[in-house]
Structure formats: C-alpha cells, structure tokens
Amino acid sequence: MSEVIRAQDVTRTLSGEVPVTLVRDVNLQIERGEFVVIMGPSGSGKSSLLYLLGLLDVPSAGRIAIDGEDTSAFDDDRLTALRLAKLGYVFQFHFLLAEFSALDNVLLPMRKLGRLTDAQAKTRAQELLARLGMADQQHKRPSQLSGGQRQRVAIARALANDPLVILADEPTGNLDSVSSTNVRDILHDLTHETGKTVVAVTHDSNFASVADRRIGIVDGRIDMAWRPGVS
C-alpha cells in the first residue's frame, strides 16, 4: 500500500475572545485501500479532524498532504480542484438536491469537473447507481426515496469522479439498523473490491467492527487506547 493522506503536527484552533482548540498536534498516515474509522466521545474533535483531512477546513498549524501533495500553501481554487478530483464525501444528512433526480444528483460532480462528455457522465452515473442497487430508482427525487436509498445515492455521488478517498461523517447516523448495515457493507466493499480509501467518523460500533483500523480521538488528540464506552 502507499500513503494517500498524511497529517503532520495538525492543530485547528478557532480564534475569539476565548480561543477553542478542536484538534491538537495530530500526526496520522492513511494508506491507499484502507478502511479507517475515527471514534471518540461527543465533542472530541472527530468531525473536525475529518473535515481537515478532507480539506473542507484548513489547519491553524501543521500540514495535510493528499496523494503526496502538501496542501499547506494551496489557495481556495487549488483546494477546490483537489477536492473535486481526488476526494468524495458522504455525510449524516445526504445533502442531495431536492429538485433533482437521483441520476442528476450523481451527475453534478462530473459536470463540474468536466472530464467526461455528457453521454459518458450519464453512463457512469447509471452504472454507479446500478452497482448500488438503485438502477430502478434513478429518476426519482430524494423525497421519493427511503433514508437508506438516499444514502446510496449520496455514495454514488461521492464516487462520481473516481476519487482516491471517500470521507464519511456519521454516514449511518440517521438510518435504521438494516440500512446502516447495508451502507457499512457498501463502504467496506469499496476498499476491498476497488481499492478506494474510506475514512469514516462514527459512533456505531457495528459500523466500526469491519474497519481495517480504528483511531480514537479524545479532546482533539489521537488516543489509541480509547474504546466505545470509555469516557
């Protein structure tokens, strides 16, 4: 395996009358093809760390490298381009556009990146939806889909531009147990069948049970001794 994400001495502090440090002195390497889960108590900095690793936020100190590229000097345009080309995102709330069909939601990232013709993009979107068991639902809007179906569409959208890494923030947080297991298995299979790297924040021990590696975080610091149920 080769390294796909590296965090070096990463700290994120919110300025203000009383500064708040969300993530402190994190050093972390994630390899290509790993399924990594980040866990910790509420307010521990799990999502803050994921957003930093996914370039949705920038460190106050330290460096984040994606696929060997040090992003510390990147401006907003370069960060946006790197996110679009190499990273895919799945959130607790699916954030599908309500007025668009499932198919059109999956097409959006491809149209924005502009690597494929419309016909190529449509074919890829249909293939992704079919792989996720959504071929017969592609023309429905999010309001016509179940929670589990909406999350499958969100995963297809995250895969649209063939990213190196999928970053998932509580992807099963709003789902029933059956849908949660389905989403867990889909993300797990991505690492073993396609070599994608998946980095997920979760409080769900069932979801975490299939991870290649579990990373604990407490008070913004990596704490490998932390386990669910330990405060």
C-alpha atoms as a PDB file:
ATOM      1  CA  MET A   1       0.000   0.000   0.000  1.00  0.00           C
ATOM      2  CA  SER A   2       1.046   3.607  -0.484  1.00  0.00           C
ATOM      3  CA  GLU A   3       0.271   6.625   1.641  1.00  0.00           C
ATOM      4  CA  VAL A   4      -2.724   8.675   0.473  1.00  0.00           C
ATOM      5  CA  ILE A   5      -3.238  11.066   3.415  1.00  0.00           C
ATOM      6  CA  ARG A   6      -0.687  12.447   5.851  1.00  0.00           C
ATOM      7  CA  ALA A   7      -1.396  14.847   8.706  1.00  0.00           C
ATOM      8  CA  GLN A   8       1.721  16.329  10.268  1.00  0.00           C
ATOM      9  CA  ASP A   9       1.527  18.248  13.579  1.00  0.00           C
ATOM     10  CA  VAL A  10      -2.001  19.406  12.703  1.00  0.00           C
ATOM     11  CA  THR A  11      -3.794  21.781  15.077  1.00  0.00           C
ATOM     12  CA  ARG A  12      -7.059  23.626  14.474  1.00  0.00           C
ATOM     13  CA  THR A  13      -7.951  26.495  16.799  1.00  0.00           C
ATOM     14  CA  LEU A  14     -10.959  28.790  16.468  1.00  0.00           C
ATOM     15  CA  SER A  15      -9.960  32.344  17.293  1.00  0.00           C
ATOM     16  CA  GLY A  16     -12.081  34.510  19.534  1.00  0.00           C
ATOM     17  CA  GLU A  17     -12.166  36.092  22.943  1.00  0.00           C
ATOM     18  CA  VAL A  18     -11.652  32.594  24.299  1.00  0.00           C
ATOM     19  CA  PRO A  19      -9.859  30.502  21.625  1.00  0.00           C
ATOM     20  CA  VAL A  20     -11.120  26.937  21.228  1.00  0.00           C
ATOM     21  CA  THR A  21      -8.812  24.175  20.003  1.00  0.00           C
ATOM     22  CA  LEU A  22     -10.714  21.495  18.101  1.00  0.00           C
ATOM     23  CA  VAL A  23      -7.765  19.339  17.014  1.00  0.00           C
ATOM     24  CA  ARG A  24      -4.353  19.360  18.645  1.00  0.00           C
ATOM     25  CA  ASP A  25      -0.963  18.083  17.419  1.00  0.00           C
ATOM     26  CA  VAL A  26      -2.317  15.265  15.250  1.00  0.00           C
ATOM     27  CA  ASN A  27       0.104  13.087  13.303  1.00  0.00           C
ATOM     28  CA  LEU A  28      -1.573  10.491  11.127  1.00  0.00           C
ATOM     29  CA  GLN A  29      -0.924   8.443   7.986  1.00  0.00           C
ATOM     30  CA  ILE A  30      -3.634   6.692   5.987  1.00  0.00           C
ATOM     31  CA  GLU A  31      -2.760   4.187   3.293  1.00  0.00           C
ATOM     32  CA  ARG A  32      -4.378   3.539  -0.063  1.00  0.00           C
ATOM     33  CA  GLY A  33      -7.078   0.896   0.216  1.00  0.00           C
ATOM     34  CA  GLU A  34      -7.605   1.231   3.980  1.00  0.00           C
ATOM     35  CA  PHE A  35     -10.982   1.386   5.681  1.00  0.00           C
ATOM     36  CA  VAL A  36     -10.288   3.645   8.655  1.00  0.00           C
ATOM     37  CA  VAL A  37     -12.768   4.613  11.352  1.00  0.00           C
ATOM     38  CA  ILE A  38     -12.355   7.591  13.689  1.00  0.00           C
ATOM     39  CA  MET A  39     -14.162   7.255  17.017  1.00  0.00           C
ATOM     40  CA  GLY A  40     -14.322   9.194  20.269  1.00  0.00           C
ATOM     41  CA  PRO A  41     -16.627  10.814  22.815  1.00  0.00           C
ATOM     42  CA  SER A  42     -19.054  13.566  21.783  1.00  0.00           C
ATOM     43  CA  GLY A  43     -17.175  16.799  21.214  1.00  0.00           C
ATOM     44  CA  SER A  44     -13.830  15.041  20.969  1.00  0.00           C
ATOM     45  CA  GLY A  45     -12.919  16.510  17.579  1.00  0.00           C
ATOM     46  CA  LYS A  46     -13.812  13.555  15.331  1.00  0.00           C
ATOM     47  CA  SER A  47     -15.668  15.529  12.675  1.00  0.00           C
ATOM     48  CA  SER A  48     -13.227  18.433  12.939  1.00  0.00           C
ATOM     49  CA  LEU A  49     -10.369  16.053  12.136  1.00  0.00           C
ATOM     50  CA  LEU A  50     -12.293  14.511   9.232  1.00  0.00           C
ATOM     51  CA  TYR A  51     -13.007  17.954   7.772  1.00  0.00           C
ATOM     52  CA  LEU A  52      -9.307  18.801   7.971  1.00  0.00           C
ATOM     53  CA  LEU A  53      -8.291  15.531   6.307  1.00  0.00           C
ATOM     54  CA  GLY A  54     -10.903  16.183   3.612  1.00  0.00           C
ATOM     55  CA  LEU A  55      -9.707  19.770   3.000  1.00  0.00           C
ATOM     56  CA  LEU A  56     -13.095  21.176   3.997  1.00  0.00           C
ATOM     57  CA  ASP A  57     -11.253  23.129   6.694  1.00  0.00           C
ATOM     58  CA  VAL A  58      -7.622  24.231   6.964  1.00  0.00           C
ATOM     59  CA  PRO A  59      -5.247  23.766   9.906  1.00  0.00           C
ATOM     60  CA  SER A  60      -4.179  26.628  12.114  1.00  0.00           C
ATOM     61  CA  ALA A  61      -0.801  24.877  12.267  1.00  0.00           C
ATOM     62  CA  GLY A  62       0.708  21.821  10.620  1.00  0.00           C
ATOM     63  CA  ARG A  63       0.325  20.273   7.189  1.00  0.00           C
ATOM     64  CA  ILE A  64      -2.077  17.992   5.317  1.00  0.00           C
ATOM     65  CA  ALA A  65      -0.797  16.087   2.279  1.00  0.00           C
ATOM     66  CA  ILE A  66      -3.106  14.301  -0.170  1.00  0.00           C
ATOM     67  CA  ASP A  67      -1.550  11.745  -2.512  1.00  0.00           C
ATOM     68  CA  GLY A  68       1.860  13.258  -1.822  1.00  0.00           C
ATOM     69  CA  GLU A  69       0.792  16.868  -2.418  1.00  0.00           C
ATOM     70  CA  ASP A  70       1.403  19.226   0.507  1.00  0.00           C
ATOM     71  CA  THR A  71      -1.710  21.424   0.562  1.00  0.00           C
ATOM     72  CA  SER A  72      -0.482  23.939   3.156  1.00  0.00           C
ATOM     73  CA  ALA A  73       0.233  26.631   0.548  1.00  0.00           C
ATOM     74  CA  PHE A  74      -2.809  25.940  -1.648  1.00  0.00           C
ATOM     75  CA  ASP A  75      -5.244  28.776  -2.264  1.00  0.00           C
ATOM     76  CA  ASP A  76      -9.007  28.218  -2.309  1.00  0.00           C
ATOM     77  CA  ASP A  77      -9.097  27.442  -6.036  1.00  0.00           C
ATOM     78  CA  ARG A  78      -6.405  24.743  -5.785  1.00  0.00           C
ATOM     79  CA  LEU A  79      -8.075  23.215  -2.724  1.00  0.00           C
ATOM     80  CA  THR A  80     -11.422  23.138  -4.549  1.00  0.00           C
ATOM     81  CA  ALA A  81      -9.855  21.487  -7.597  1.00  0.00           C
ATOM     82  CA  LEU A  82      -8.099  18.864  -5.468  1.00  0.00           C
ATOM     83  CA  ARG A  83     -11.275  18.080  -3.516  1.00  0.00           C
ATOM     84  CA  LEU A  84     -13.266  17.685  -6.713  1.00  0.00           C
ATOM     85  CA  ALA A  85     -10.714  15.405  -8.387  1.00  0.00           C
ATOM     86  CA  LYS A  86      -9.475  13.221  -5.536  1.00  0.00           C
ATOM     87  CA  LEU A  87     -11.955  13.287  -2.644  1.00  0.00           C
ATOM     88  CA  GLY A  88     -15.568  12.205  -2.250  1.00  0.00           C
ATOM     89  CA  TYR A  89     -17.848  12.982   0.695  1.00  0.00           C
ATOM     90  CA  VAL A  90     -20.751  11.260   2.423  1.00  0.00           C
ATOM     91  CA  PHE A  91     -22.456  12.970   5.354  1.00  0.00           C
ATOM     92  CA  GLN A  92     -25.016  12.040   8.001  1.00  0.00           C
ATOM     93  CA  PHE A  93     -27.518  14.180   6.115  1.00  0.00           C
ATOM     94  CA  HIS A  94     -27.365  13.216   2.455  1.00  0.00           C
ATOM     95  CA  PHE A  95     -27.432  16.810   1.097  1.00  0.00           C
ATOM     96  CA  LEU A  96     -28.982  15.681  -2.175  1.00  0.00           C
ATOM     97  CA  LEU A  97     -30.576  18.497  -4.163  1.00  0.00           C
ATOM     98  CA  ALA A  98     -34.307  18.091  -3.653  1.00  0.00           C
ATOM     99  CA  GLU A  99     -35.323  19.364  -7.079  1.00  0.00           C
ATOM    100  CA  PHE A 100     -33.023  16.938  -8.937  1.00  0.00           C
ATOM    101  CA  SER A 101     -33.469  13.239  -9.618  1.00  0.00           C
ATOM    102  CA  ALA A 102     -31.092  10.664  -8.179  1.00  0.00           C
ATOM    103  CA  LEU A 103     -29.387  10.468 -11.573  1.00  0.00           C
ATOM    104  CA  ASP A 104     -28.943  14.233 -11.841  1.00  0.00           C
ATOM    105  CA  ASN A 105     -27.535  14.416  -8.309  1.00  0.00           C
ATOM    106  CA  VAL A 106     -24.848  11.892  -9.267  1.00  0.00           C
ATOM    107  CA  LEU A 107     -24.117  13.768 -12.494  1.00  0.00           C
ATOM    108  CA  LEU A 108     -23.381  17.059 -10.715  1.00  0.00           C
ATOM    109  CA  PRO A 109     -19.750  16.403  -9.657  1.00  0.00           C
ATOM    110  CA  MET A 110     -18.862  15.032 -13.102  1.00  0.00           C
ATOM    111  CA  ARG A 111     -20.319  18.051 -14.833  1.00  0.00           C
ATOM    112  CA  LYS A 112     -18.393  20.330 -12.504  1.00  0.00           C
ATOM    113  CA  LEU A 113     -15.088  18.524 -13.078  1.00  0.00           C
ATOM    114  CA  GLY A 114     -15.664  18.416 -16.835  1.00  0.00           C
ATOM    115  CA  ARG A 115     -13.547  15.387 -17.683  1.00  0.00           C
ATOM    116  CA  LEU A 116     -16.361  13.450 -19.373  1.00  0.00           C
ATOM    117  CA  THR A 117     -18.830  14.237 -22.109  1.00  0.00           C
ATOM    118  CA  ASP A 118     -22.475  14.386 -21.064  1.00  0.00           C
ATOM    119  CA  ALA A 119     -23.060  10.943 -22.579  1.00  0.00           C
ATOM    120  CA  GLN A 120     -20.053   9.443 -20.761  1.00  0.00           C
ATOM    121  CA  ALA A 121     -21.088  11.061 -17.486  1.00  0.00           C
ATOM    122  CA  LYS A 122     -24.644   9.753 -17.785  1.00  0.00           C
ATOM    123  CA  THR A 123     -23.397   6.239 -18.484  1.00  0.00           C
ATOM    124  CA  ARG A 124     -21.081   6.359 -15.461  1.00  0.00           C
ATOM    125  CA  ALA A 125     -23.826   7.733 -13.203  1.00  0.00           C
ATOM    126  CA  GLN A 126     -26.196   4.959 -14.285  1.00  0.00           C
ATOM    127  CA  GLU A 127     -23.503   2.330 -13.712  1.00  0.00           C
ATOM    128  CA  LEU A 128     -22.800   3.644 -10.213  1.00  0.00           C
ATOM    129  CA  LEU A 129     -26.467   3.684  -9.284  1.00  0.00           C
ATOM    130  CA  ALA A 130     -26.876   0.158 -10.658  1.00  0.00           C
ATOM    131  CA  ARG A 131     -23.872  -1.050  -8.635  1.00  0.00           C
ATOM    132  CA  LEU A 132     -25.551   0.318  -5.527  1.00  0.00           C
ATOM    133  CA  GLY A 133     -28.893  -1.302  -6.302  1.00  0.00           C
ATOM    134  CA  MET A 134     -30.545   1.937  -7.385  1.00  0.00           C
ATOM    135  CA  ALA A 135     -30.963   1.432 -11.134  1.00  0.00           C
ATOM    136  CA  ASP A 136     -34.757   1.359 -10.899  1.00  0.00           C
ATOM    137  CA  GLN A 137     -34.837   4.482  -8.708  1.00  0.00           C
ATOM    138  CA  GLN A 138     -32.633   6.778 -10.812  1.00  0.00           C
ATOM    139  CA  HIS A 139     -35.408   9.097 -11.972  1.00  0.00           C
ATOM    140  CA  LYS A 140     -36.926   9.614  -8.524  1.00  0.00           C
ATOM    141  CA  ARG A 141     -36.300  12.711  -6.430  1.00  0.00           C
ATOM    142  CA  PRO A 142     -34.855  12.395  -2.906  1.00  0.00           C
ATOM    143  CA  SER A 143     -38.282  12.903  -1.315  1.00  0.00           C
ATOM    144  CA  GLN A 144     -39.465   9.737  -3.081  1.00  0.00           C
ATOM    145  CA  LEU A 145     -36.647   7.607  -1.646  1.00  0.00           C
ATOM    146  CA  SER A 146     -36.116   5.990   1.744  1.00  0.00           C
ATOM    147  CA  GLY A 147     -33.295   7.097   4.025  1.00  0.00           C
ATOM    148  CA  GLY A 148     -31.151   4.151   3.026  1.00  0.00           C
ATOM    149  CA  GLN A 149     -31.796   4.775  -0.661  1.00  0.00           C
ATOM    150  CA  ARG A 150     -30.889   8.444  -0.330  1.00  0.00           C
ATOM    151  CA  GLN A 151     -27.610   7.481   1.323  1.00  0.00           C
ATOM    152  CA  ARG A 152     -26.850   5.067  -1.523  1.00  0.00           C
ATOM    153  CA  VAL A 153     -27.353   7.912  -3.986  1.00  0.00           C
ATOM    154  CA  ALA A 154     -25.027  10.053  -1.854  1.00  0.00           C
ATOM    155  CA  ILE A 155     -22.386   7.316  -2.042  1.00  0.00           C
ATOM    156  CA  ALA A 156     -22.799   7.121  -5.822  1.00  0.00           C
ATOM    157  CA  ARG A 157     -22.349  10.896  -5.989  1.00  0.00           C
ATOM    158  CA  ALA A 158     -19.206  10.632  -3.834  1.00  0.00           C
ATOM    159  CA  LEU A 159     -17.816   8.055  -6.279  1.00  0.00           C
ATOM    160  CA  ALA A 160     -18.732  10.023  -9.400  1.00  0.00           C
ATOM    161  CA  ASN A 161     -15.281  11.446 -10.136  1.00  0.00           C
ATOM    162  CA  ASP A 162     -13.459   8.229  -9.174  1.00  0.00           C
ATOM    163  CA  PRO A 163     -11.805   9.763  -6.088  1.00  0.00           C
ATOM    164  CA  LEU A 164      -8.864   8.300  -4.206  1.00  0.00           C
ATOM    165  CA  VAL A 165     -10.582   8.759  -0.846  1.00  0.00           C
ATOM    166  CA  ILE A 166     -14.164   8.684   0.435  1.00  0.00           C
ATOM    167  CA  LEU A 167     -14.652  10.670   3.651  1.00  0.00           C
ATOM    168  CA  ALA A 168     -17.817   9.852   5.571  1.00  0.00           C
ATOM    169  CA  ASP A 169     -19.150  11.741   8.591  1.00  0.00           C
ATOM    170  CA  GLU A 170     -21.612   9.577  10.568  1.00  0.00           C
ATOM    171  CA  PRO A 171     -22.927   8.043   7.324  1.00  0.00           C
ATOM    172  CA  THR A 172     -25.330   5.742   9.188  1.00  0.00           C
ATOM    173  CA  GLY A 173     -26.381   8.224  11.863  1.00  0.00           C
ATOM    174  CA  ASN A 174     -29.929   8.696  10.541  1.00  0.00           C
ATOM    175  CA  LEU A 175     -30.576   5.144   9.325  1.00  0.00           C
ATOM    176  CA  ASP A 176     -32.307   2.085  10.730  1.00  0.00           C
ATOM    177  CA  SER A 177     -30.202  -0.951  11.586  1.00  0.00           C
ATOM    178  CA  VAL A 178     -30.755  -2.742   8.261  1.00  0.00           C
ATOM    179  CA  SER A 179     -29.909   0.332   6.182  1.00  0.00           C
ATOM    180  CA  SER A 180     -26.926   1.058   8.432  1.00  0.00           C
ATOM    181  CA  THR A 181     -25.515  -2.407   7.810  1.00  0.00           C
ATOM    182  CA  ASN A 182     -26.062  -2.036   4.061  1.00  0.00           C
ATOM    183  CA  VAL A 183     -24.220   1.296   3.950  1.00  0.00           C
ATOM    184  CA  ARG A 184     -21.437  -0.116   6.129  1.00  0.00           C
ATOM    185  CA  ASP A 185     -21.004  -3.080   3.802  1.00  0.00           C
ATOM    186  CA  ILE A 186     -21.018  -0.879   0.698  1.00  0.00           C
ATOM    187  CA  LEU A 187     -18.237   1.313   2.069  1.00  0.00           C
ATOM    188  CA  HIS A 188     -16.278  -1.704   3.287  1.00  0.00           C
ATOM    189  CA  ASP A 189     -16.539  -3.393  -0.108  1.00  0.00           C
ATOM    190  CA  LEU A 190     -15.235  -0.265  -1.836  1.00  0.00           C
ATOM    191  CA  THR A 191     -11.873  -0.729  -0.135  1.00  0.00           C
ATOM    192  CA  HIS A 192     -11.574  -4.432  -0.900  1.00  0.00           C
ATOM    193  CA  GLU A 193     -13.063  -4.513  -4.399  1.00  0.00           C
ATOM    194  CA  THR A 194     -11.921  -1.197  -5.884  1.00  0.00           C
ATOM    195  CA  GLY A 195      -9.002  -0.155  -3.679  1.00  0.00           C
ATOM    196  CA  LYS A 196     -10.686   3.037  -2.505  1.00  0.00           C
ATOM    197  CA  THR A 197      -9.624   4.500   0.812  1.00  0.00           C
ATOM    198  CA  VAL A 198     -12.511   5.147   3.186  1.00  0.00           C
ATOM    199  CA  VAL A 199     -12.149   7.357   6.272  1.00  0.00           C
ATOM    200  CA  ALA A 200     -15.294   7.472   8.386  1.00  0.00           C
ATOM    201  CA  VAL A 201     -16.336   9.106  11.633  1.00  0.00           C
ATOM    202  CA  THR A 202     -18.845   7.023  13.551  1.00  0.00           C
ATOM    203  CA  HIS A 203     -20.221   6.296  16.990  1.00  0.00           C
ATOM    204  CA  ASP A 204     -21.646   2.998  15.713  1.00  0.00           C
ATOM    205  CA  SER A 205     -19.651   0.008  16.995  1.00  0.00           C
ATOM    206  CA  ASN A 206     -21.284  -2.258  14.394  1.00  0.00           C
ATOM    207  CA  PHE A 207     -20.047   0.034  11.632  1.00  0.00           C
ATOM    208  CA  ALA A 208     -16.573   0.215  13.184  1.00  0.00           C
ATOM    209  CA  SER A 209     -16.332  -3.559  13.547  1.00  0.00           C
ATOM    210  CA  VAL A 210     -15.370  -4.076   9.891  1.00  0.00           C
ATOM    211  CA  ALA A 211     -12.715  -1.350   9.756  1.00  0.00           C
ATOM    212  CA  ASP A 212      -9.102  -2.177   8.997  1.00  0.00           C
ATOM    213  CA  ARG A 213      -8.058   0.345  11.624  1.00  0.00           C
ATOM    214  CA  ARG A 214      -9.806   2.289  14.377  1.00  0.00           C
ATOM    215  CA  ILE A 215      -8.420   5.618  15.541  1.00  0.00           C
ATOM    216  CA  GLY A 216      -9.518   7.049  18.876  1.00  0.00           C
ATOM    217  CA  ILE A 217      -9.609  10.783  19.495  1.00  0.00           C
ATOM    218  CA  VAL A 218     -10.174  12.489  22.854  1.00  0.00           C
ATOM    219  CA  ASP A 219     -10.055  16.245  23.486  1.00  0.00           C
ATOM    220  CA  GLY A 220      -8.714  16.796  19.984  1.00  0.00           C
ATOM    221  CA  ARG A 221      -5.765  14.404  20.377  1.00  0.00           C
ATOM    222  CA  ILE A 222      -5.214  10.940  18.971  1.00  0.00           C
ATOM    223  CA  ASP A 223      -5.749   8.429  21.774  1.00  0.00           C
ATOM    224  CA  MET A 224      -5.365   4.863  20.532  1.00  0.00           C
ATOM    225  CA  ALA A 225      -6.341   3.485  23.943  1.00  0.00           C
ATOM    226  CA  TRP A 226      -9.870   4.936  23.753  1.00  0.00           C
ATOM    227  CA  ARG A 227     -12.706   2.485  23.178  1.00  0.00           C
ATOM    228  CA  PRO A 228     -16.516   2.971  22.987  1.00  0.00           C
ATOM    229  CA  GLY A 229     -17.995   3.191  26.459  1.00  0.00           C
ATOM    230  CA  VAL A 230     -14.813   4.732  27.867  1.00  0.00           C
ATOM    231  CA  SER A 231     -15.205   8.410  28.745  1.00  0.00           C
END
